[in-house]
Amino acid sequence: MSRVCQVTGRRPVTGNKVSHSNIKTKRRFLPNLKTKRFFLAEEDRWVTLKLSTDAIRTINKNGLYAVVKKMRQEGATI
């Protein structure tokens, strides 16, 4: 499974791990992803989404149906 948020598209990014002696080595910063089930009342079914915590806040603010509708316009299958 890929580490990509289905709503925001957040992906892992790369950067440097910096030691106490200032030696830099490459590392990955992973997004804070959660697998969450939502009940989509308009379609009377459950949907499971892999979301960043920022996307969960977006769904709480705008509503699940509005977010799913926008995702479908962008070409995602849900």
PDB file of N, CA and C in Angstrom:
ATOM      1  N   MET A   1       0.834  -1.171   0.000  1.00  0.00           N
ATOM      2  CA  MET A   1       0.000   0.000   0.000  1.00  0.00           C
ATOM      3  C   MET A   1       0.883   1.240   0.000  1.00  0.00           C
ATOM      4  N   SER A   2       0.511   2.194  -0.826  1.00  0.00           N
ATOM      5  CA  SER A   2       1.305   3.404  -0.915  1.00  0.00           C
ATOM      6  C   SER A   2       0.948   4.360   0.217  1.00  0.00           C
ATOM      7  N   ARG A   3       1.892   5.197   0.552  1.00  0.00           N
ATOM      8  CA  ARG A   3       1.687   6.157   1.636  1.00  0.00           C
ATOM      9  C   ARG A   3       1.258   7.497   1.052  1.00  0.00           C
ATOM     10  N   VAL A   4       0.034   7.528   0.493  1.00  0.00           N
ATOM     11  CA  VAL A   4      -0.488   8.728  -0.140  1.00  0.00           C
ATOM     12  C   VAL A   4      -1.896   8.979   0.379  1.00  0.00           C
ATOM     13  N   CYS A   5      -2.177  10.211   0.761  1.00  0.00           N
ATOM     14  CA  CYS A   5      -3.512  10.591   1.207  1.00  0.00           C
ATOM     15  C   CYS A   5      -4.433  10.663  -0.007  1.00  0.00           C
ATOM     16  N   GLN A   6      -5.625  10.071   0.100  1.00  0.00           N
ATOM     17  CA  GLN A   6      -6.546  10.044  -1.011  1.00  0.00           C
ATOM     18  C   GLN A   6      -7.213  11.388  -1.263  1.00  0.00           C
ATOM     19  N   VAL A   7      -7.285  12.256  -0.269  1.00  0.00           N
ATOM     20  CA  VAL A   7      -7.946  13.549  -0.430  1.00  0.00           C
ATOM     21  C   VAL A   7      -6.933  14.637  -0.790  1.00  0.00           C
ATOM     22  N   THR A   8      -5.897  14.778  -0.004  1.00  0.00           N
ATOM     23  CA  THR A   8      -4.962  15.882  -0.202  1.00  0.00           C
ATOM     24  C   THR A   8      -3.795  15.519  -1.116  1.00  0.00           C
ATOM     25  N   GLY A   9      -3.517  14.231  -1.290  1.00  0.00           N
ATOM     26  CA  GLY A   9      -2.401  13.813  -2.134  1.00  0.00           C
ATOM     27  C   GLY A   9      -1.047  13.915  -1.457  1.00  0.00           C
ATOM     28  N   ARG A  10      -1.044  14.058  -0.136  1.00  0.00           N
ATOM     29  CA  ARG A  10       0.231  14.151   0.584  1.00  0.00           C
ATOM     30  C   ARG A  10       1.027  12.869   0.419  1.00  0.00           C
ATOM     31  N   ARG A  11       2.333  13.027   0.184  1.00  0.00           N
ATOM     32  CA  ARG A  11       3.241  11.906  -0.036  1.00  0.00           C
ATOM     33  C   ARG A  11       4.457  12.053   0.886  1.00  0.00           C
ATOM     34  N   PRO A  12       5.270  11.005   1.003  1.00  0.00           N
ATOM     35  CA  PRO A  12       6.513  11.164   1.748  1.00  0.00           C
ATOM     36  C   PRO A  12       7.439  12.162   1.050  1.00  0.00           C
ATOM     37  N   VAL A  13       8.166  12.932   1.842  1.00  0.00           N
ATOM     38  CA  VAL A  13       9.151  13.868   1.312  1.00  0.00           C
ATOM     39  C   VAL A  13      10.510  13.500   1.883  1.00  0.00           C
ATOM     40  N   THR A  14      11.572  13.936   1.226  1.00  0.00           N
ATOM     41  CA  THR A  14      12.917  13.613   1.689  1.00  0.00           C
ATOM     42  C   THR A  14      13.563  14.836   2.306  1.00  0.00           C
ATOM     43  N   GLY A  15      14.503  14.570   3.177  1.00  0.00           N
ATOM     44  CA  GLY A  15      15.236  15.644   3.837  1.00  0.00           C
ATOM     45  C   GLY A  15      16.491  15.061   4.466  1.00  0.00           C
ATOM     46  N   ASN A  16      17.063  15.787   5.361  1.00  0.00           N
ATOM     47  CA  ASN A  16      18.292  15.350   6.015  1.00  0.00           C
ATOM     48  C   ASN A  16      18.065  15.083   7.490  1.00  0.00           C
ATOM     49  N   LYS A  17      18.659  13.997   7.960  1.00  0.00           N
ATOM     50  CA  LYS A  17      18.774  13.769   9.395  1.00  0.00           C
ATOM     51  C   LYS A  17      20.084  14.425   9.804  1.00  0.00           C
ATOM     52  N   VAL A  18      20.037  15.294  10.791  1.00  0.00           N
ATOM     53  CA  VAL A  18      21.223  16.043  11.195  1.00  0.00           C
ATOM     54  C   VAL A  18      21.617  15.592  12.591  1.00  0.00           C
ATOM     55  N   SER A  19      22.809  15.058  12.717  1.00  0.00           N
ATOM     56  CA  SER A  19      23.293  14.564  14.001  1.00  0.00           C
ATOM     57  C   SER A  19      23.807  15.716  14.861  1.00  0.00           C
ATOM     58  N   HIS A  20      24.169  15.395  16.071  1.00  0.00           N
ATOM     59  CA  HIS A  20      24.707  16.394  16.987  1.00  0.00           C
ATOM     60  C   HIS A  20      25.987  17.009  16.432  1.00  0.00           C
ATOM     61  N   SER A  21      26.769  16.196  15.697  1.00  0.00           N
ATOM     62  CA  SER A  21      28.012  16.707  15.112  1.00  0.00           C
ATOM     63  C   SER A  21      27.787  17.327  13.729  1.00  0.00           C
ATOM     64  N   ASN A  22      26.523  17.538  13.372  1.00  0.00           N
ATOM     65  CA  ASN A  22      26.117  18.207  12.131  1.00  0.00           C
ATOM     66  C   ASN A  22      26.401  17.386  10.875  1.00  0.00           C
ATOM     67  N   ILE A  23      26.473  16.061  11.017  1.00  0.00           N
ATOM     68  CA  ILE A  23      26.605  15.186   9.853  1.00  0.00           C
ATOM     69  C   ILE A  23      25.208  14.967   9.286  1.00  0.00           C
ATOM     70  N   LYS A  24      25.075  15.126   7.967  1.00  0.00           N
ATOM     71  CA  LYS A  24      23.760  15.025   7.327  1.00  0.00           C
ATOM     72  C   LYS A  24      23.648  13.721   6.548  1.00  0.00           C
ATOM     73  N   THR A  25      22.570  12.984   6.796  1.00  0.00           N
ATOM     74  CA  THR A  25      22.271  11.780   6.035  1.00  0.00           C
ATOM     75  C   THR A  25      20.820  11.868   5.572  1.00  0.00           C
ATOM     76  N   LYS A  26      20.534  11.265   4.425  1.00  0.00           N
ATOM     77  CA  LYS A  26      19.196  11.346   3.858  1.00  0.00           C
ATOM     78  C   LYS A  26      18.193  10.553   4.698  1.00  0.00           C
ATOM     79  N   ARG A  27      16.968  11.048   4.766  1.00  0.00           N
ATOM     80  CA  ARG A  27      15.891  10.353   5.456  1.00  0.00           C
ATOM     81  C   ARG A  27      14.572  10.723   4.793  1.00  0.00           C
ATOM     82  N   ARG A  28      13.503  10.024   5.175  1.00  0.00           N
ATOM     83  CA  ARG A  28      12.172  10.298   4.639  1.00  0.00           C
ATOM     84  C   ARG A  28      11.270  10.796   5.758  1.00  0.00           C
ATOM     85  N   PHE A  29      10.456  11.792   5.424  1.00  0.00           N
ATOM     86  CA  PHE A  29       9.426  12.268   6.328  1.00  0.00           C
ATOM     87  C   PHE A  29       8.108  11.704   5.825  1.00  0.00           C
ATOM     88  N   LEU A  30       7.480  10.830   6.606  1.00  0.00           N
ATOM     89  CA  LEU A  30       6.247  10.179   6.188  1.00  0.00           C
ATOM     90  C   LEU A  30       5.034  10.986   6.638  1.00  0.00           C
ATOM     91  N   PRO A  31       3.980  11.026   5.814  1.00  0.00           N
ATOM     92  CA  PRO A  31       2.770  11.743   6.236  1.00  0.00           C
ATOM     93  C   PRO A  31       2.043  10.970   7.327  1.00  0.00           C
ATOM     94  N   ASN A  32       1.295  11.692   8.125  1.00  0.00           N
ATOM     95  CA  ASN A  32       0.537  11.087   9.225  1.00  0.00           C
ATOM     96  C   ASN A  32      -0.779  10.552   8.657  1.00  0.00           C
ATOM     97  N   LEU A  33      -0.768   9.295   8.190  1.00  0.00           N
ATOM     98  CA  LEU A  33      -1.928   8.703   7.532  1.00  0.00           C
ATOM     99  C   LEU A  33      -2.702   7.792   8.476  1.00  0.00           C
ATOM    100  N   LYS A  34      -4.008   7.833   8.343  1.00  0.00           N
ATOM    101  CA  LYS A  34      -4.911   6.977   9.109  1.00  0.00           C
ATOM    102  C   LYS A  34      -5.897   6.341   8.133  1.00  0.00           C
ATOM    103  N   THR A  35      -6.238   5.070   8.361  1.00  0.00           N
ATOM    104  CA  THR A  35      -7.293   4.419   7.593  1.00  0.00           C
ATOM    105  C   THR A  35      -8.586   4.592   8.371  1.00  0.00           C
ATOM    106  N   LYS A  36      -9.589   5.194   7.724  1.00  0.00           N
ATOM    107  CA  LYS A  36     -10.811   5.549   8.436  1.00  0.00           C
ATOM    108  C   LYS A  36     -12.030   5.175   7.608  1.00  0.00           C
ATOM    109  N   ARG A  37     -13.052   4.641   8.281  1.00  0.00           N
ATOM    110  CA  ARG A  37     -14.319   4.307   7.652  1.00  0.00           C
ATOM    111  C   ARG A  37     -15.328   5.413   7.927  1.00  0.00           C
ATOM    112  N   PHE A  38     -16.058   5.806   6.877  1.00  0.00           N
ATOM    113  CA  PHE A  38     -17.107   6.809   6.992  1.00  0.00           C
ATOM    114  C   PHE A  38     -18.388   6.225   6.418  1.00  0.00           C
ATOM    115  N   PHE A  39     -19.518   6.625   6.970  1.00  0.00           N
ATOM    116  CA  PHE A  39     -20.805   6.237   6.403  1.00  0.00           C
ATOM    117  C   PHE A  39     -21.270   7.349   5.482  1.00  0.00           C
ATOM    118  N   LEU A  40     -21.413   7.036   4.199  1.00  0.00           N
ATOM    119  CA  LEU A  40     -21.865   7.991   3.196  1.00  0.00           C
ATOM    120  C   LEU A  40     -23.378   7.876   3.096  1.00  0.00           C
ATOM    121  N   ALA A  41     -24.083   8.754   3.792  1.00  0.00           N
ATOM    122  CA  ALA A  41     -25.540   8.645   3.936  1.00  0.00           C
ATOM    123  C   ALA A  41     -26.266   8.821   2.606  1.00  0.00           C
ATOM    124  N   GLU A  42     -25.750   9.662   1.728  1.00  0.00           N
ATOM    125  CA  GLU A  42     -26.407   9.911   0.440  1.00  0.00           C
ATOM    126  C   GLU A  42     -26.454   8.657  -0.429  1.00  0.00           C
ATOM    127  N   GLU A  43     -25.462   7.781  -0.278  1.00  0.00           N
ATOM    128  CA  GLU A  43     -25.421   6.541  -1.059  1.00  0.00           C
ATOM    129  C   GLU A  43     -25.736   5.314  -0.202  1.00  0.00           C
ATOM    130  N   ASP A  44     -25.981   5.520   1.089  1.00  0.00           N
ATOM    131  CA  ASP A  44     -26.328   4.460   2.032  1.00  0.00           C
ATOM    132  C   ASP A  44     -25.294   3.335   2.036  1.00  0.00           C
ATOM    133  N   ARG A  45     -24.016   3.721   2.179  1.00  0.00           N
ATOM    134  CA  ARG A  45     -22.939   2.718   2.231  1.00  0.00           C
ATOM    135  C   ARG A  45     -21.748   3.266   3.003  1.00  0.00           C
ATOM    136  N   TRP A  46     -20.874   2.345   3.403  1.00  0.00           N
ATOM    137  CA  TRP A  46     -19.641   2.697   4.097  1.00  0.00           C
ATOM    138  C   TRP A  46     -18.521   2.842   3.079  1.00  0.00           C
ATOM    139  N   VAL A  47     -17.638   3.808   3.283  1.00  0.00           N
ATOM    140  CA  VAL A  47     -16.444   3.963   2.458  1.00  0.00           C
ATOM    141  C   VAL A  47     -15.232   3.989   3.382  1.00  0.00           C
ATOM    142  N   THR A  48     -14.168   3.337   2.943  1.00  0.00           N
ATOM    143  CA  THR A  48     -12.917   3.320   3.683  1.00  0.00           C
ATOM    144  C   THR A  48     -11.908   4.154   2.921  1.00  0.00           C
ATOM    145  N   LEU A  49     -11.316   5.123   3.597  1.00  0.00           N
ATOM    146  CA  LEU A  49     -10.359   6.027   2.965  1.00  0.00           C
ATOM    147  C   LEU A  49      -9.065   6.048   3.766  1.00  0.00           C
ATOM    148  N   LYS A  50      -7.952   6.213   3.061  1.00  0.00           N
ATOM    149  CA  LYS A  50      -6.659   6.413   3.715  1.00  0.00           C
ATOM    150  C   LYS A  50      -6.374   7.909   3.675  1.00  0.00           C
ATOM    151  N   LEU A  51      -6.405   8.538   4.847  1.00  0.00           N
ATOM    152  CA  LEU A  51      -6.387   9.992   4.932  1.00  0.00           C
ATOM    153  C   LEU A  51      -5.270  10.495   5.829  1.00  0.00           C
ATOM    154  N   SER A  52      -4.786  11.684   5.508  1.00  0.00           N
ATOM    155  CA  SER A  52      -3.921  12.381   6.445  1.00  0.00           C
ATOM    156  C   SER A  52      -4.824  13.021   7.500  1.00  0.00           C
ATOM    157  N   THR A  53      -4.255  13.367   8.621  1.00  0.00           N
ATOM    158  CA  THR A  53      -5.065  13.974   9.672  1.00  0.00           C
ATOM    159  C   THR A  53      -5.598  15.330   9.233  1.00  0.00           C
ATOM    160  N   ASP A  54      -4.900  15.997   8.340  1.00  0.00           N
ATOM    161  CA  ASP A  54      -5.382  17.259   7.775  1.00  0.00           C
ATOM    162  C   ASP A  54      -6.643  17.019   6.943  1.00  0.00           C
ATOM    163  N   ALA A  55      -6.686  15.918   6.208  1.00  0.00           N
ATOM    164  CA  ALA A  55      -7.861  15.592   5.393  1.00  0.00           C
ATOM    165  C   ALA A  55      -9.059  15.227   6.272  1.00  0.00           C
ATOM    166  N   ILE A  56      -8.816  14.586   7.410  1.00  0.00           N
ATOM    167  CA  ILE A  56      -9.906  14.265   8.337  1.00  0.00           C
ATOM    168  C   ILE A  56     -10.540  15.556   8.851  1.00  0.00           C
ATOM    169  N   ARG A  57      -9.710  16.556   9.136  1.00  0.00           N
ATOM    170  CA  ARG A  57     -10.233  17.854   9.569  1.00  0.00           C
ATOM    171  C   ARG A  57     -11.020  18.528   8.450  1.00  0.00           C
ATOM    172  N   THR A  58     -10.570  18.374   7.211  1.00  0.00           N
ATOM    173  CA  THR A  58     -11.285  18.937   6.070  1.00  0.00           C
ATOM    174  C   THR A  58     -12.661  18.299   5.923  1.00  0.00           C
ATOM    175  N   ILE A  59     -12.733  16.975   6.111  1.00  0.00           N
ATOM    176  CA  ILE A  59     -14.018  16.275   6.027  1.00  0.00           C
ATOM    177  C   ILE A  59     -14.934  16.731   7.155  1.00  0.00           C
ATOM    178  N   ASN A  60     -14.403  16.921   8.344  1.00  0.00           N
ATOM    179  CA  ASN A  60     -15.215  17.408   9.462  1.00  0.00           C
ATOM    180  C   ASN A  60     -15.763  18.809   9.187  1.00  0.00           C
ATOM    181  N   LYS A  61     -14.989  19.623   8.491  1.00  0.00           N
ATOM    182  CA  LYS A  61     -15.397  20.995   8.222  1.00  0.00           C
ATOM    183  C   LYS A  61     -16.391  21.086   7.059  1.00  0.00           C
ATOM    184  N   ASN A  62     -16.082  20.448   5.934  1.00  0.00           N
ATOM    185  CA  ASN A  62     -16.876  20.596   4.714  1.00  0.00           C
ATOM    186  C   ASN A  62     -17.947  19.530   4.538  1.00  0.00           C
ATOM    187  N   GLY A  63     -17.817  18.420   5.227  1.00  0.00           N
ATOM    188  CA  GLY A  63     -18.761  17.321   5.066  1.00  0.00           C
ATOM    189  C   GLY A  63     -18.204  16.268   4.129  1.00  0.00           C
ATOM    190  N   LEU A  64     -18.551  15.011   4.398  1.00  0.00           N
ATOM    191  CA  LEU A  64     -18.015  13.896   3.624  1.00  0.00           C
ATOM    192  C   LEU A  64     -18.490  13.938   2.178  1.00  0.00           C
ATOM    193  N   TYR A  65     -19.772  14.204   1.969  1.00  0.00           N
ATOM    194  CA  TYR A  65     -20.312  14.142   0.617  1.00  0.00           C
ATOM    195  C   TYR A  65     -19.677  15.191  -0.287  1.00  0.00           C
ATOM    196  N   ALA A  66     -19.418  16.387   0.228  1.00  0.00           N
ATOM    197  CA  ALA A  66     -18.782  17.446  -0.568  1.00  0.00           C
ATOM    198  C   ALA A  66     -17.359  17.058  -0.958  1.00  0.00           C
ATOM    199  N   VAL A  67     -16.635  16.437  -0.033  1.00  0.00           N
ATOM    200  CA  VAL A  67     -15.258  16.023  -0.312  1.00  0.00           C
ATOM    201  C   VAL A  67     -15.242  14.885  -1.335  1.00  0.00           C
ATOM    202  N   VAL A  68     -16.144  13.919  -1.186  1.00  0.00           N
ATOM    203  CA  VAL A  68     -16.209  12.792  -2.119  1.00  0.00           C
ATOM    204  C   VAL A  68     -16.600  13.283  -3.511  1.00  0.00           C
ATOM    205  N   LYS A  69     -17.523  14.222  -3.573  1.00  0.00           N
ATOM    206  CA  LYS A  69     -17.952  14.777  -4.859  1.00  0.00           C
ATOM    207  C   LYS A  69     -16.788  15.465  -5.575  1.00  0.00           C
ATOM    208  N   LYS A  70     -15.992  16.233  -4.820  1.00  0.00           N
ATOM    209  CA  LYS A  70     -14.832  16.901  -5.403  1.00  0.00           C
ATOM    210  C   LYS A  70     -13.782  15.892  -5.863  1.00  0.00           C
ATOM    211  N   MET A  71     -13.580  14.819  -5.078  1.00  0.00           N
ATOM    212  CA  MET A  71     -12.624  13.782  -5.463  1.00  0.00           C
ATOM    213  C   MET A  71     -13.055  13.107  -6.765  1.00  0.00           C
ATOM    214  N   ARG A  72     -14.333  12.846  -6.913  1.00  0.00           N
ATOM    215  CA  ARG A  72     -14.849  12.207  -8.118  1.00  0.00           C
ATOM    216  C   ARG A  72     -14.698  13.108  -9.344  1.00  0.00           C
ATOM    217  N   GLN A  73     -14.850  14.425  -9.159  1.00  0.00           N
ATOM    218  CA  GLN A  73     -14.643  15.363 -10.267  1.00  0.00           C
ATOM    219  C   GLN A  73     -13.193  15.350 -10.733  1.00  0.00           C
ATOM    220  N   GLU A  74     -12.273  15.085  -9.799  1.00  0.00           N
ATOM    221  CA  GLU A  74     -10.853  15.034 -10.143  1.00  0.00           C
ATOM    222  C   GLU A  74     -10.438  13.677 -10.698  1.00  0.00           C
ATOM    223  N   GLY A  75     -11.365  12.717 -10.733  1.00  0.00           N
ATOM    224  CA  GLY A  75     -11.084  11.435 -11.370  1.00  0.00           C
ATOM    225  C   GLY A  75     -10.858  10.267 -10.431  1.00  0.00           C
ATOM    226  N   ALA A  76     -11.020  10.433  -9.142  1.00  0.00           N
ATOM    227  CA  ALA A  76     -10.817   9.334  -8.206  1.00  0.00           C
ATOM    228  C   ALA A  76     -12.046   8.440  -8.170  1.00  0.00           C
ATOM    229  N   THR A  77     -11.827   7.138  -7.980  1.00  0.00           N
ATOM    230  CA  THR A  77     -12.946   6.210  -7.835  1.00  0.00           C
ATOM    231  C   THR A  77     -13.117   5.867  -6.372  1.00  0.00           C
ATOM    232  N   ILE A  78     -14.358   5.983  -5.908  1.00  0.00           N
ATOM    233  CA  ILE A  78     -14.643   5.711  -4.500  1.00  0.00           C
ATOM    234  C   ILE A  78     -15.840   4.798  -4.430  1.00  0.00           C
TER     235      ILE A  78
END
